[in-house]
Amino acid sequence: MATERVRPLRQRRSEDMGIRGIGDKAQKSHIRAIKYCAAFLA
C-alpha cells in the first residue's frame, strides 16, 4: 500500500481546523464538499 504525501497547504488547513475545534468527521465532510464543487466547476 502506497502512502499518500500530505501537501503543505492541506496540512496547514487541517491544523487550522483543529485549532478552531472542528472535528475529524467535519473536516472530512468539508474536504468531500470541496472536491465535489471542484469537479462540478471543471
PDB file of N, CA and C in Angstrom:
ATOM      1  N   MET A   1       0.838  -1.177   0.000  1.00  0.00           N
ATOM      2  CA  MET A   1       0.000   0.000   0.000  1.00  0.00           C
ATOM      3  C   MET A   1       0.881   1.237   0.000  1.00  0.00           C
ATOM      4  N   ALA A   2       0.640   2.115  -0.935  1.00  0.00           N
ATOM      5  CA  ALA A   2       1.434   3.337  -1.054  1.00  0.00           C
ATOM      6  C   ALA A   2       0.931   4.378  -0.052  1.00  0.00           C
ATOM      7  N   THR A   3       1.870   5.084   0.540  1.00  0.00           N
ATOM      8  CA  THR A   3       1.473   6.145   1.465  1.00  0.00           C
ATOM      9  C   THR A   3       1.299   7.435   0.693  1.00  0.00           C
ATOM     10  N   GLU A   4       0.262   8.160   1.021  1.00  0.00           N
ATOM     11  CA  GLU A   4      -0.034   9.408   0.328  1.00  0.00           C
ATOM     12  C   GLU A   4       0.701  10.549   1.026  1.00  0.00           C
ATOM     13  N   ARG A   5       1.379  11.364   0.251  1.00  0.00           N
ATOM     14  CA  ARG A   5       2.105  12.503   0.799  1.00  0.00           C
ATOM     15  C   ARG A   5       1.116  13.631   1.088  1.00  0.00           C
ATOM     16  N   VAL A   6       1.212  14.198   2.268  1.00  0.00           N
ATOM     17  CA  VAL A   6       0.337  15.309   2.635  1.00  0.00           C
ATOM     18  C   VAL A   6       1.014  16.603   2.195  1.00  0.00           C
ATOM     19  N   ARG A   7       0.304  17.358   1.390  1.00  0.00           N
ATOM     20  CA  ARG A   7       0.866  18.615   0.880  1.00  0.00           C
ATOM     21  C   ARG A   7       0.798  19.683   1.955  1.00  0.00           C
ATOM     22  N   PRO A   8       1.722  20.641   1.905  1.00  0.00           N
ATOM     23  CA  PRO A   8       1.795  21.667   2.959  1.00  0.00           C
ATOM     24  C   PRO A   8       0.495  22.457   3.147  1.00  0.00           C
ATOM     25  N   LEU A   9      -0.185  22.802   2.063  1.00  0.00           N
ATOM     26  CA  LEU A   9      -1.423  23.568   2.182  1.00  0.00           C
ATOM     27  C   LEU A   9      -2.504  22.748   2.867  1.00  0.00           C
ATOM     28  N   ARG A  10      -2.601  21.473   2.507  1.00  0.00           N
ATOM     29  CA  ARG A  10      -3.589  20.590   3.135  1.00  0.00           C
ATOM     30  C   ARG A  10      -3.266  20.379   4.605  1.00  0.00           C
ATOM     31  N   GLN A  11      -1.997  20.223   4.930  1.00  0.00           N
ATOM     32  CA  GLN A  11      -1.579  20.062   6.322  1.00  0.00           C
ATOM     33  C   GLN A  11      -1.941  21.298   7.137  1.00  0.00           C
ATOM     34  N   ARG A  12      -1.686  22.471   6.578  1.00  0.00           N
ATOM     35  CA  ARG A  12      -1.997  23.711   7.293  1.00  0.00           C
ATOM     36  C   ARG A  12      -3.498  23.861   7.504  1.00  0.00           C
ATOM     37  N   ARG A  13      -4.290  23.509   6.484  1.00  0.00           N
ATOM     38  CA  ARG A  13      -5.740  23.593   6.614  1.00  0.00           C
ATOM     39  C   ARG A  13      -6.226  22.671   7.727  1.00  0.00           C
ATOM     40  N   SER A  14      -5.687  21.466   7.788  1.00  0.00           N
ATOM     41  CA  SER A  14      -6.077  20.530   8.837  1.00  0.00           C
ATOM     42  C   SER A  14      -5.707  21.060  10.216  1.00  0.00           C
ATOM     43  N   GLU A  15      -4.520  21.639  10.331  1.00  0.00           N
ATOM     44  CA  GLU A  15      -4.094  22.209  11.606  1.00  0.00           C
ATOM     45  C   GLU A  15      -4.985  23.376  12.013  1.00  0.00           C
ATOM     46  N   ASP A  16      -5.312  24.248  11.061  1.00  0.00           N
ATOM     47  CA  ASP A  16      -6.177  25.393  11.354  1.00  0.00           C
ATOM     48  C   ASP A  16      -7.565  24.941  11.798  1.00  0.00           C
ATOM     49  N   MET A  17      -8.113  23.941  11.128  1.00  0.00           N
ATOM     50  CA  MET A  17      -9.426  23.443  11.504  1.00  0.00           C
ATOM     51  C   MET A  17      -9.381  22.791  12.886  1.00  0.00           C
ATOM     52  N   GLY A  18      -8.286  22.115  13.195  1.00  0.00           N
ATOM     53  CA  GLY A  18      -8.129  21.505  14.513  1.00  0.00           C
ATOM     54  C   GLY A  18      -8.051  22.550  15.614  1.00  0.00           C
ATOM     55  N   ILE A  19      -7.342  23.635  15.345  1.00  0.00           N
ATOM     56  CA  ILE A  19      -7.228  24.721  16.318  1.00  0.00           C
ATOM     57  C   ILE A  19      -8.595  25.330  16.584  1.00  0.00           C
ATOM     58  N   ARG A  20      -9.407  25.434  15.555  1.00  0.00           N
ATOM     59  CA  ARG A  20     -10.745  26.026  15.695  1.00  0.00           C
ATOM     60  C   ARG A  20     -11.747  25.064  16.331  1.00  0.00           C
ATOM     61  N   GLY A  21     -11.311  23.843  16.603  1.00  0.00           N
ATOM     62  CA  GLY A  21     -12.178  22.873  17.269  1.00  0.00           C
ATOM     63  C   GLY A  21     -13.077  22.089  16.344  1.00  0.00           C
ATOM     64  N   ILE A  22     -12.758  22.071  15.061  1.00  0.00           N
ATOM     65  CA  ILE A  22     -13.559  21.319  14.090  1.00  0.00           C
ATOM     66  C   ILE A  22     -13.098  19.865  14.122  1.00  0.00           C
ATOM     67  N   GLY A  23     -14.021  18.946  14.305  1.00  0.00           N
ATOM     68  CA  GLY A  23     -13.702  17.526  14.443  1.00  0.00           C
ATOM     69  C   GLY A  23     -13.277  16.866  13.144  1.00  0.00           C
ATOM     70  N   ASP A  24     -12.816  15.638  13.268  1.00  0.00           N
ATOM     71  CA  ASP A  24     -12.333  14.879  12.109  1.00  0.00           C
ATOM     72  C   ASP A  24     -13.433  14.626  11.078  1.00  0.00           C
ATOM     73  N   LYS A  25     -14.620  14.275  11.550  1.00  0.00           N
ATOM     74  CA  LYS A  25     -15.716  13.994  10.610  1.00  0.00           C
ATOM     75  C   LYS A  25     -16.104  15.254   9.845  1.00  0.00           C
ATOM     76  N   ALA A  26     -16.129  16.382  10.522  1.00  0.00           N
ATOM     77  CA  ALA A  26     -16.468  17.641   9.857  1.00  0.00           C
ATOM     78  C   ALA A  26     -15.390  18.017   8.844  1.00  0.00           C
ATOM     79  N   GLN A  27     -14.129  17.753   9.175  1.00  0.00           N
ATOM     80  CA  GLN A  27     -13.035  18.039   8.243  1.00  0.00           C
ATOM     81  C   GLN A  27     -13.176  17.186   6.992  1.00  0.00           C
ATOM     82  N   LYS A  28     -13.467  15.899   7.159  1.00  0.00           N
ATOM     83  CA  LYS A  28     -13.621  15.013   6.006  1.00  0.00           C
ATOM     84  C   LYS A  28     -14.815  15.428   5.154  1.00  0.00           C
ATOM     85  N   SER A  29     -15.889  15.842   5.806  1.00  0.00           N
ATOM     86  CA  SER A  29     -17.061  16.312   5.081  1.00  0.00           C
ATOM     87  C   SER A  29     -16.730  17.571   4.281  1.00  0.00           C
ATOM     88  N   HIS A  30     -15.973  18.457   4.877  1.00  0.00           N
ATOM     89  CA  HIS A  30     -15.554  19.694   4.214  1.00  0.00           C
ATOM     90  C   HIS A  30     -14.694  19.381   2.983  1.00  0.00           C
ATOM     91  N   ILE A  31     -13.757  18.469   3.131  1.00  0.00           N
ATOM     92  CA  ILE A  31     -12.887  18.079   2.018  1.00  0.00           C
ATOM     93  C   ILE A  31     -13.719  17.479   0.886  1.00  0.00           C
ATOM     94  N   ARG A  32     -14.676  16.620   1.247  1.00  0.00           N
ATOM     95  CA  ARG A  32     -15.539  15.987   0.239  1.00  0.00           C
ATOM     96  C   ARG A  32     -16.357  17.041  -0.510  1.00  0.00           C
ATOM     97  N   ALA A  33     -16.900  18.011   0.209  1.00  0.00           N
ATOM     98  CA  ALA A  33     -17.701  19.060  -0.419  1.00  0.00           C
ATOM     99  C   ALA A  33     -16.850  19.892  -1.375  1.00  0.00           C
ATOM    100  N   ILE A  34     -15.632  20.212  -0.988  1.00  0.00           N
ATOM    101  CA  ILE A  34     -14.740  20.971  -1.856  1.00  0.00           C
ATOM    102  C   ILE A  34     -14.396  20.175  -3.102  1.00  0.00           C
ATOM    103  N   LYS A  35     -14.172  18.870  -2.925  1.00  0.00           N
ATOM    104  CA  LYS A  35     -13.836  18.001  -4.070  1.00  0.00           C
ATOM    105  C   LYS A  35     -14.990  17.955  -5.063  1.00  0.00           C
ATOM    106  N   TYR A  36     -16.231  17.811  -4.564  1.00  0.00           N
ATOM    107  CA  TYR A  36     -17.400  17.772  -5.435  1.00  0.00           C
ATOM    108  C   TYR A  36     -17.611  19.112  -6.139  1.00  0.00           C
ATOM    109  N   CYS A  37     -17.390  20.193  -5.427  1.00  0.00           N
ATOM    110  CA  CYS A  37     -17.551  21.523  -6.003  1.00  0.00           C
ATOM    111  C   CYS A  37     -16.531  21.732  -7.135  1.00  0.00           C
ATOM    112  N   ALA A  38     -15.286  21.339  -6.888  1.00  0.00           N
ATOM    113  CA  ALA A  38     -14.236  21.488  -7.904  1.00  0.00           C
ATOM    114  C   ALA A  38     -14.556  20.649  -9.127  1.00  0.00           C
ATOM    115  N   ALA A  39     -15.075  19.434  -8.925  1.00  0.00           N
ATOM    116  CA  ALA A  39     -15.438  18.567 -10.056  1.00  0.00           C
ATOM    117  C   ALA A  39     -16.582  19.185 -10.853  1.00  0.00           C
ATOM    118  N   PHE A  40     -17.534  19.816 -10.156  1.00  0.00           N
ATOM    119  CA  PHE A  40     -18.658  20.448 -10.826  1.00  0.00           C
ATOM    120  C   PHE A  40     -18.188  21.620 -11.684  1.00  0.00           C
ATOM    121  N   LEU A  41     -17.247  22.396 -11.161  1.00  0.00           N
ATOM    122  CA  LEU A  41     -16.765  23.576 -11.868  1.00  0.00           C
ATOM    123  C   LEU A  41     -15.807  23.250 -13.012  1.00  0.00           C
ATOM    124  N   ALA A  42     -15.208  22.052 -12.984  1.00  0.00           N
ATOM    125  CA  ALA A  42     -14.225  21.678 -14.007  1.00  0.00           C
ATOM    126  C   ALA A  42     -14.864  21.296 -15.319  1.00  0.00           C
TER     127      ALA A  42
END
